[in-house]
C-alpha atoms as a PDB file:
ATOM      1  CA  LEU A   1       7.476 -20.502 -97.738  1.00  0.00           C
ATOM      2  CA  ARG A   2       4.358 -21.966 -96.195  1.00  0.00           C
ATOM      3  CA  VAL A   3       1.555 -19.746 -94.915  1.00  0.00           C
ATOM      4  CA  VAL A   4      -1.015 -21.166 -92.509  1.00  0.00           C
ATOM      5  CA  CYS A   5      -4.375 -19.406 -92.426  1.00  0.00           C
ATOM      6  CA  CYS A   6      -6.877 -20.042 -89.660  1.00  0.00           C
ATOM      7  CA  LEU A   7      -5.155 -23.345 -88.882  1.00  0.00           C
ATOM      8  CA  VAL A   8      -7.312 -24.952 -91.563  1.00  0.00           C
ATOM      9  CA  TYR A   9      -5.829 -23.943 -94.923  1.00  0.00           C
ATOM     10  CA  ILE A  10      -2.229 -24.391 -95.980  1.00  0.00           C
ATOM     11  CA  ILE A  11      -1.151 -22.331 -98.969  1.00  0.00           C
ATOM     12  CA  ASP A  12       2.164 -22.993-100.673  1.00  0.00           C
ATOM     13  CA  ILE A  13       3.792 -20.012-102.355  1.00  0.00           C
ATOM     14  CA  ASP A  14       6.563 -20.879-104.766  1.00  0.00           C
ATOM     15  CA  ILE A  15       8.868 -17.946-104.022  1.00  0.00           C
ATOM     16  CA  TRP A  16      11.356 -19.247-106.563  1.00  0.00           C
ATOM     17  CA  ARG A  17       8.985 -18.249-109.378  1.00  0.00           C
ATOM     18  CA  ALA A  18       9.340 -14.598-108.404  1.00  0.00           C
ATOM     19  CA  GLU A  19      12.253 -12.805-110.030  1.00  0.00           C
ATOM     20  CA  ASP A  20      12.237  -9.880-107.574  1.00  0.00           C
ATOM     21  CA  ASP A  21      10.360  -8.373-104.614  1.00  0.00           C
ATOM     22  CA  TYR A  22       7.758  -6.832-106.923  1.00  0.00           C
ATOM     23  CA  GLN A  23       6.799 -10.189-108.419  1.00  0.00           C
ATOM     24  CA  TYR A  24       6.940 -11.912-105.029  1.00  0.00           C
ATOM     25  CA  LYS A  25       4.448  -9.382-103.639  1.00  0.00           C
ATOM     26  CA  PHE A  26       1.949 -10.060-106.447  1.00  0.00           C
ATOM     27  CA  LEU A  27       2.541 -13.806-106.318  1.00  0.00           C
ATOM     28  CA  LYS A  28       1.727 -13.772-102.600  1.00  0.00           C
ATOM     29  CA  TRP A  29      -1.367 -11.584-103.089  1.00  0.00           C
ATOM     30  CA  MET A  30      -2.788 -13.642-105.960  1.00  0.00           C
ATOM     31  CA  ARG A  31      -2.146 -16.982-104.235  1.00  0.00           C
ATOM     32  CA  THR A  32      -3.680 -15.992-100.908  1.00  0.00           C
ATOM     33  CA  MET A  33      -6.758 -14.221-102.309  1.00  0.00           C
ATOM     34  CA  ASP A  34     -10.057 -16.103-102.384  1.00  0.00           C
ATOM     35  CA  LYS A  35     -10.585 -17.786-105.782  1.00  0.00           C
ATOM     36  CA  SER A  36     -13.778 -15.900-106.656  1.00  0.00           C
ATOM     37  CA  HIS A  37     -12.218 -12.551-105.745  1.00  0.00           C
ATOM     38  CA  ASN A  38      -9.080 -13.405-107.680  1.00  0.00           C
ATOM     39  CA  ILE A  39     -11.073 -14.187-110.812  1.00  0.00           C
ATOM     40  CA  GLY A  40     -13.252 -11.099-110.359  1.00  0.00           C
ATOM     41  CA  TYR A  41     -10.320  -8.704-109.963  1.00  0.00           C
ATOM     42  CA  ARG A  42      -8.531 -10.220-112.944  1.00  0.00           C
ATOM     43  CA  ARG A  43     -11.709  -9.684-114.980  1.00  0.00           C
ATOM     44  CA  ILE A  44     -11.949  -6.039-113.820  1.00  0.00           C
ATOM     45  CA  ALA A  45      -8.329  -5.510-114.840  1.00  0.00           C
ATOM     46  CA  LYS A  46      -8.955  -7.103-118.235  1.00  0.00           C
ATOM     47  CA  ASP A  47     -11.977  -4.852-118.846  1.00  0.00           C
ATOM     48  CA  LYS A  48      -9.677  -1.849-118.233  1.00  0.00           C
ATOM     49  CA  GLY A  49      -7.086  -3.102-120.722  1.00  0.00           C
ATOM     50  CA  LEU A  50      -4.791  -4.347-117.948  1.00  0.00           C
ATOM     51  CA  ILE A  51      -3.389  -7.751-117.114  1.00  0.00           C
ATOM     52  CA  LEU A  52      -3.417  -8.851-113.467  1.00  0.00           C
ATOM     53  CA  SER A  53      -1.283 -11.901-112.793  1.00  0.00           C
ATOM     54  CA  ASP A  54       1.216 -13.405-110.393  1.00  0.00           C
ATOM     55  CA  ARG A  55       3.795 -11.203-112.124  1.00  0.00           C
ATOM     56  CA  GLY A  56       2.026  -7.894-111.418  1.00  0.00           C
ATOM     57  CA  LEU A  57      -0.489  -5.456-112.881  1.00  0.00           C
ATOM     58  CA  TYR A  58       0.508  -4.656-116.446  1.00  0.00           C
ATOM     59  CA  ASN A  59      -0.860  -2.031-118.833  1.00  0.00           C
ATOM     60  CA  LYS A  60      -0.452  -3.621-122.247  1.00  0.00           C
ATOM     61  CA  HIS A  61      -1.128  -0.350-124.114  1.00  0.00           C
ATOM     62  CA  LYS A  62       1.465   1.728-122.214  1.00  0.00           C
ATOM     63  CA  LYS A  63       3.742  -1.306-121.678  1.00  0.00           C
ATOM     64  CA  VAL A  64       4.247  -0.489-118.003  1.00  0.00           C
ATOM     65  CA  TYR A  65       3.792  -2.303-114.680  1.00  0.00           C
ATOM     66  CA  TYR A  66       1.953  -0.527-111.843  1.00  0.00           C
ATOM     67  CA  ASP A  67       3.365  -0.678-108.333  1.00  0.00           C
ATOM     68  CA  PHE A  68       1.389  -0.808-105.077  1.00  0.00           C
ATOM     69  CA  ASN A  69       2.540  -1.034-101.470  1.00  0.00           C
ATOM     70  CA  THR A  70      -0.470  -2.999-100.255  1.00  0.00           C
ATOM     71  CA  LEU A  71      -3.158  -5.256-101.635  1.00  0.00           C
ATOM     72  CA  ASP A  72      -5.772  -2.688-100.586  1.00  0.00           C
ATOM     73  CA  GLU A  73      -4.088  -0.046-102.791  1.00  0.00           C
ATOM     74  CA  LEU A  74      -4.207  -2.434-105.737  1.00  0.00           C
ATOM     75  CA  LEU A  75      -7.878  -3.253-105.175  1.00  0.00           C
ATOM     76  CA  ASP A  76      -8.802   0.438-104.750  1.00  0.00           C
ATOM     77  CA  PHE A  77      -7.034   1.196-108.035  1.00  0.00           C
ATOM     78  CA  LEU A  78      -8.971  -1.537-109.841  1.00  0.00           C
ATOM     79  CA  LYS A  79     -12.295  -0.335-108.373  1.00  0.00           C
ATOM     80  CA  GLN A  80     -11.849   3.223-109.739  1.00  0.00           C
END
């Protein structure tokens, strides 16, 4: 799948890395987010004891993945 943004940037998303729709959603979000925001949100997640990756948002203490319908829901959750 190839996503063209603003006719300037071409971002390749390796959909074959995703094992299901959940992982595909996070893979797409993490690959299309600005680098500085991506790093910042991963740091926020880490400070909360969570792991934010292409595979999803994981709580390593509860051993559970969180699910979100939109990127905005994910970011609002991390900002709490």
